[in-house]
Amino acid sequence: MHKTSLIHNQDTHVLQQPWGMPFDTDQISTYLAAHKIDVVAMVHHETSSGMLNPLAVIGNLARANGAIFVVDGVSSVGAEAIDMEGCNIAFCSSSSSKAIGSYPGLSFCYWAQGPV
């Protein structure tokens, strides 16, 4: 996501955690308070380690700091309960061939205004 964002916005920031470790929400809170961030984007589920990032906490931090929240739910949508409104998710992408176990090659997105 970071590389794609850089194509469209050179003022893109990335906060990384070691492999298999969820995001440090205190670090994110401090960073958002110190910078004007319009969009917070993250991967929900790290496939190889099974680690889940805390959607509700990070979504609430995004909302509190005036940012929209974008989630890569490719390997979690269909396997995990995801409350779009409760987690302040504005846009969530997924894939049919991961947790949903449907036909490969299909994909769909959900925008807070309804299906896209």
C-alpha atoms as a PDB file:
ATOM      1  CA  MET A   1       0.000   0.000   0.000  1.00  0.00           C
ATOM      2  CA  HIS A   2       2.858   2.359   0.781  1.00  0.00           C
ATOM      3  CA  LYS A   3       4.421   2.019  -2.677  1.00  0.00           C
ATOM      4  CA  THR A   4       1.065   2.566  -4.369  1.00  0.00           C
ATOM      5  CA  SER A   5       0.354   5.615  -2.234  1.00  0.00           C
ATOM      6  CA  LEU A   6       3.736   7.133  -3.126  1.00  0.00           C
ATOM      7  CA  ILE A   7       2.742   7.087  -6.796  1.00  0.00           C
ATOM      8  CA  HIS A   8      -0.118   9.464  -6.031  1.00  0.00           C
ATOM      9  CA  ASN A   9       1.232  11.360  -3.017  1.00  0.00           C
ATOM     10  CA  GLN A  10       4.926  11.879  -2.277  1.00  0.00           C
ATOM     11  CA  ASP A  11       3.979  12.996   1.252  1.00  0.00           C
ATOM     12  CA  THR A  12       3.118   9.424   2.266  1.00  0.00           C
ATOM     13  CA  HIS A  13       4.303   8.075   5.598  1.00  0.00           C
ATOM     14  CA  VAL A  14       4.724   4.500   6.778  1.00  0.00           C
ATOM     15  CA  LEU A  15       4.827   3.076  10.299  1.00  0.00           C
ATOM     16  CA  GLN A  16       6.124  -0.470  10.321  1.00  0.00           C
ATOM     17  CA  GLN A  17       6.164  -3.167  12.958  1.00  0.00           C
ATOM     18  CA  PRO A  18       8.318  -6.301  13.013  1.00  0.00           C
ATOM     19  CA  TRP A  19       6.883  -9.295  11.170  1.00  0.00           C
ATOM     20  CA  GLY A  20       4.006 -10.886  13.047  1.00  0.00           C
ATOM     21  CA  MET A  21       3.563  -8.013  15.514  1.00  0.00           C
ATOM     22  CA  PRO A  22       0.373  -5.901  15.539  1.00  0.00           C
ATOM     23  CA  PHE A  23       0.639  -2.135  15.194  1.00  0.00           C
ATOM     24  CA  ASP A  24       1.601  -0.199  18.317  1.00  0.00           C
ATOM     25  CA  THR A  25      -1.516   1.905  18.888  1.00  0.00           C
ATOM     26  CA  ASP A  26       0.327   4.325  21.202  1.00  0.00           C
ATOM     27  CA  GLN A  27       2.853   4.987  18.426  1.00  0.00           C
ATOM     28  CA  ILE A  28       0.025   5.588  15.949  1.00  0.00           C
ATOM     29  CA  SER A  29      -1.809   7.908  18.339  1.00  0.00           C
ATOM     30  CA  THR A  30       1.353   9.966  18.933  1.00  0.00           C
ATOM     31  CA  TYR A  31       2.118  10.104  15.207  1.00  0.00           C
ATOM     32  CA  LEU A  32      -1.391  11.216  14.253  1.00  0.00           C
ATOM     33  CA  ALA A  33      -1.349  13.925  16.922  1.00  0.00           C
ATOM     34  CA  ALA A  34       1.942  15.296  15.557  1.00  0.00           C
ATOM     35  CA  HIS A  35       1.130  15.166  11.803  1.00  0.00           C
ATOM     36  CA  LYS A  36      -1.757  16.196   9.555  1.00  0.00           C
ATOM     37  CA  ILE A  37      -2.796  12.847   8.059  1.00  0.00           C
ATOM     38  CA  ASP A  38      -5.763  12.607   5.676  1.00  0.00           C
ATOM     39  CA  VAL A  39      -5.880   8.833   5.213  1.00  0.00           C
ATOM     40  CA  VAL A  40      -4.858   5.998   7.518  1.00  0.00           C
ATOM     41  CA  ALA A  41      -4.471   2.707   5.632  1.00  0.00           C
ATOM     42  CA  MET A  42      -3.516  -0.683   6.992  1.00  0.00           C
ATOM     43  CA  VAL A  43      -3.589  -4.407   6.380  1.00  0.00           C
ATOM     44  CA  HIS A  44      -5.995  -6.096   8.790  1.00  0.00           C
ATOM     45  CA  HIS A  45      -4.675  -9.681   8.713  1.00  0.00           C
ATOM     46  CA  GLU A  46      -1.091 -10.814   8.094  1.00  0.00           C
ATOM     47  CA  THR A  47      -1.625 -14.118   6.319  1.00  0.00           C
ATOM     48  CA  SER A  48       1.650 -15.902   7.046  1.00  0.00           C
ATOM     49  CA  SER A  49       1.653 -15.218  10.805  1.00  0.00           C
ATOM     50  CA  GLY A  50      -2.110 -15.080  11.408  1.00  0.00           C
ATOM     51  CA  MET A  51      -1.718 -11.737  13.204  1.00  0.00           C
ATOM     52  CA  LEU A  52      -4.703  -9.345  13.237  1.00  0.00           C
ATOM     53  CA  ASN A  53      -4.298  -5.598  13.596  1.00  0.00           C
ATOM     54  CA  PRO A  54      -6.831  -3.873  15.909  1.00  0.00           C
ATOM     55  CA  LEU A  55      -9.416  -2.389  13.538  1.00  0.00           C
ATOM     56  CA  ALA A  56     -11.607  -0.620  16.094  1.00  0.00           C
ATOM     57  CA  VAL A  57      -8.748   1.062  17.954  1.00  0.00           C
ATOM     58  CA  ILE A  58      -6.989   2.309  14.826  1.00  0.00           C
ATOM     59  CA  GLY A  59     -10.286   3.293  13.193  1.00  0.00           C
ATOM     60  CA  ASN A  60     -11.177   5.358  16.246  1.00  0.00           C
ATOM     61  CA  LEU A  61      -7.731   7.002  16.214  1.00  0.00           C
ATOM     62  CA  ALA A  62      -8.218   7.886  12.541  1.00  0.00           C
ATOM     63  CA  ARG A  63     -11.657   9.386  13.232  1.00  0.00           C
ATOM     64  CA  ALA A  64     -10.397  11.345  16.268  1.00  0.00           C
ATOM     65  CA  ASN A  65      -7.673  12.880  14.100  1.00  0.00           C
ATOM     66  CA  GLY A  66      -9.901  13.708  11.117  1.00  0.00           C
ATOM     67  CA  ALA A  67      -8.540  10.981   8.822  1.00  0.00           C
ATOM     68  CA  ILE A  68     -10.446   8.428   6.790  1.00  0.00           C
ATOM     69  CA  PHE A  69      -9.639   4.765   7.433  1.00  0.00           C
ATOM     70  CA  VAL A  70      -8.826   2.377   4.579  1.00  0.00           C
ATOM     71  CA  VAL A  71      -8.431  -1.350   5.239  1.00  0.00           C
ATOM     72  CA  ASP A  72      -6.887  -4.148   3.210  1.00  0.00           C
ATOM     73  CA  GLY A  73      -9.116  -7.030   4.262  1.00  0.00           C
ATOM     74  CA  VAL A  74      -7.968  -9.466   1.580  1.00  0.00           C
ATOM     75  CA  SER A  75      -7.367 -12.357   3.945  1.00  0.00           C
ATOM     76  CA  SER A  76      -9.777 -11.417   6.751  1.00  0.00           C
ATOM     77  CA  VAL A  77     -13.104 -10.524   5.111  1.00  0.00           C
ATOM     78  CA  GLY A  78     -15.240 -13.635   5.350  1.00  0.00           C
ATOM     79  CA  ALA A  79     -13.197 -15.164   8.172  1.00  0.00           C
ATOM     80  CA  GLU A  80     -13.425 -12.375  10.749  1.00  0.00           C
ATOM     81  CA  ALA A  81     -16.374 -10.265  11.842  1.00  0.00           C
ATOM     82  CA  ILE A  82     -15.709  -6.756  10.533  1.00  0.00           C
ATOM     83  CA  ASP A  83     -17.948  -3.907  11.695  1.00  0.00           C
ATOM     84  CA  MET A  84     -17.465  -1.260   9.009  1.00  0.00           C
ATOM     85  CA  GLU A  85     -19.317   1.479  10.883  1.00  0.00           C
ATOM     86  CA  GLY A  86     -18.127   0.542  14.372  1.00  0.00           C
ATOM     87  CA  CYS A  87     -14.498   0.503  13.218  1.00  0.00           C
ATOM     88  CA  ASN A  88     -14.875   3.743  11.203  1.00  0.00           C
ATOM     89  CA  ILE A  89     -13.809   1.984   7.978  1.00  0.00           C
ATOM     90  CA  ALA A  90     -14.411   4.199   4.953  1.00  0.00           C
ATOM     91  CA  PHE A  91     -13.098   1.734   2.363  1.00  0.00           C
ATOM     92  CA  CYS A  92     -12.330  -1.986   2.633  1.00  0.00           C
ATOM     93  CA  SER A  93     -10.940  -4.181  -0.129  1.00  0.00           C
ATOM     94  CA  SER A  94     -10.922  -7.954  -0.259  1.00  0.00           C
ATOM     95  CA  SER A  95     -10.616 -10.944  -2.547  1.00  0.00           C
ATOM     96  CA  SER A  96     -12.965 -13.821  -3.169  1.00  0.00           C
ATOM     97  CA  SER A  97     -10.211 -16.433  -3.298  1.00  0.00           C
ATOM     98  CA  LYS A  98      -8.893 -15.957   0.250  1.00  0.00           C
ATOM     99  CA  ALA A  99     -11.058 -16.395   3.360  1.00  0.00           C
ATOM    100  CA  ILE A 100     -14.309 -16.433   1.419  1.00  0.00           C
ATOM    101  CA  GLY A 101     -13.032 -19.410  -0.628  1.00  0.00           C
ATOM    102  CA  SER A 102     -14.820 -18.465  -3.818  1.00  0.00           C
ATOM    103  CA  TYR A 103     -13.634 -18.292  -7.411  1.00  0.00           C
ATOM    104  CA  PRO A 104     -10.139 -16.834  -7.880  1.00  0.00           C
ATOM    105  CA  GLY A 105      -9.949 -13.617  -9.841  1.00  0.00           C
ATOM    106  CA  LEU A 106     -13.119 -12.062  -8.456  1.00  0.00           C
ATOM    107  CA  SER A 107     -12.768  -9.107  -6.171  1.00  0.00           C
ATOM    108  CA  PHE A 108     -14.983  -6.528  -4.582  1.00  0.00           C
ATOM    109  CA  CYS A 109     -14.729  -3.407  -2.501  1.00  0.00           C
ATOM    110  CA  TYR A 110     -16.935  -1.794   0.072  1.00  0.00           C
ATOM    111  CA  TRP A 111     -17.138   1.949   0.368  1.00  0.00           C
ATOM    112  CA  ALA A 112     -18.843   3.489   3.421  1.00  0.00           C
ATOM    113  CA  GLN A 113     -21.571   4.750   1.098  1.00  0.00           C
ATOM    114  CA  GLY A 114     -22.420   1.175   0.018  1.00  0.00           C
ATOM    115  CA  PRO A 115     -21.069  -1.500  -2.339  1.00  0.00           C
ATOM    116  CA  VAL A 116     -18.910  -0.308  -5.225  1.00  0.00           C
END
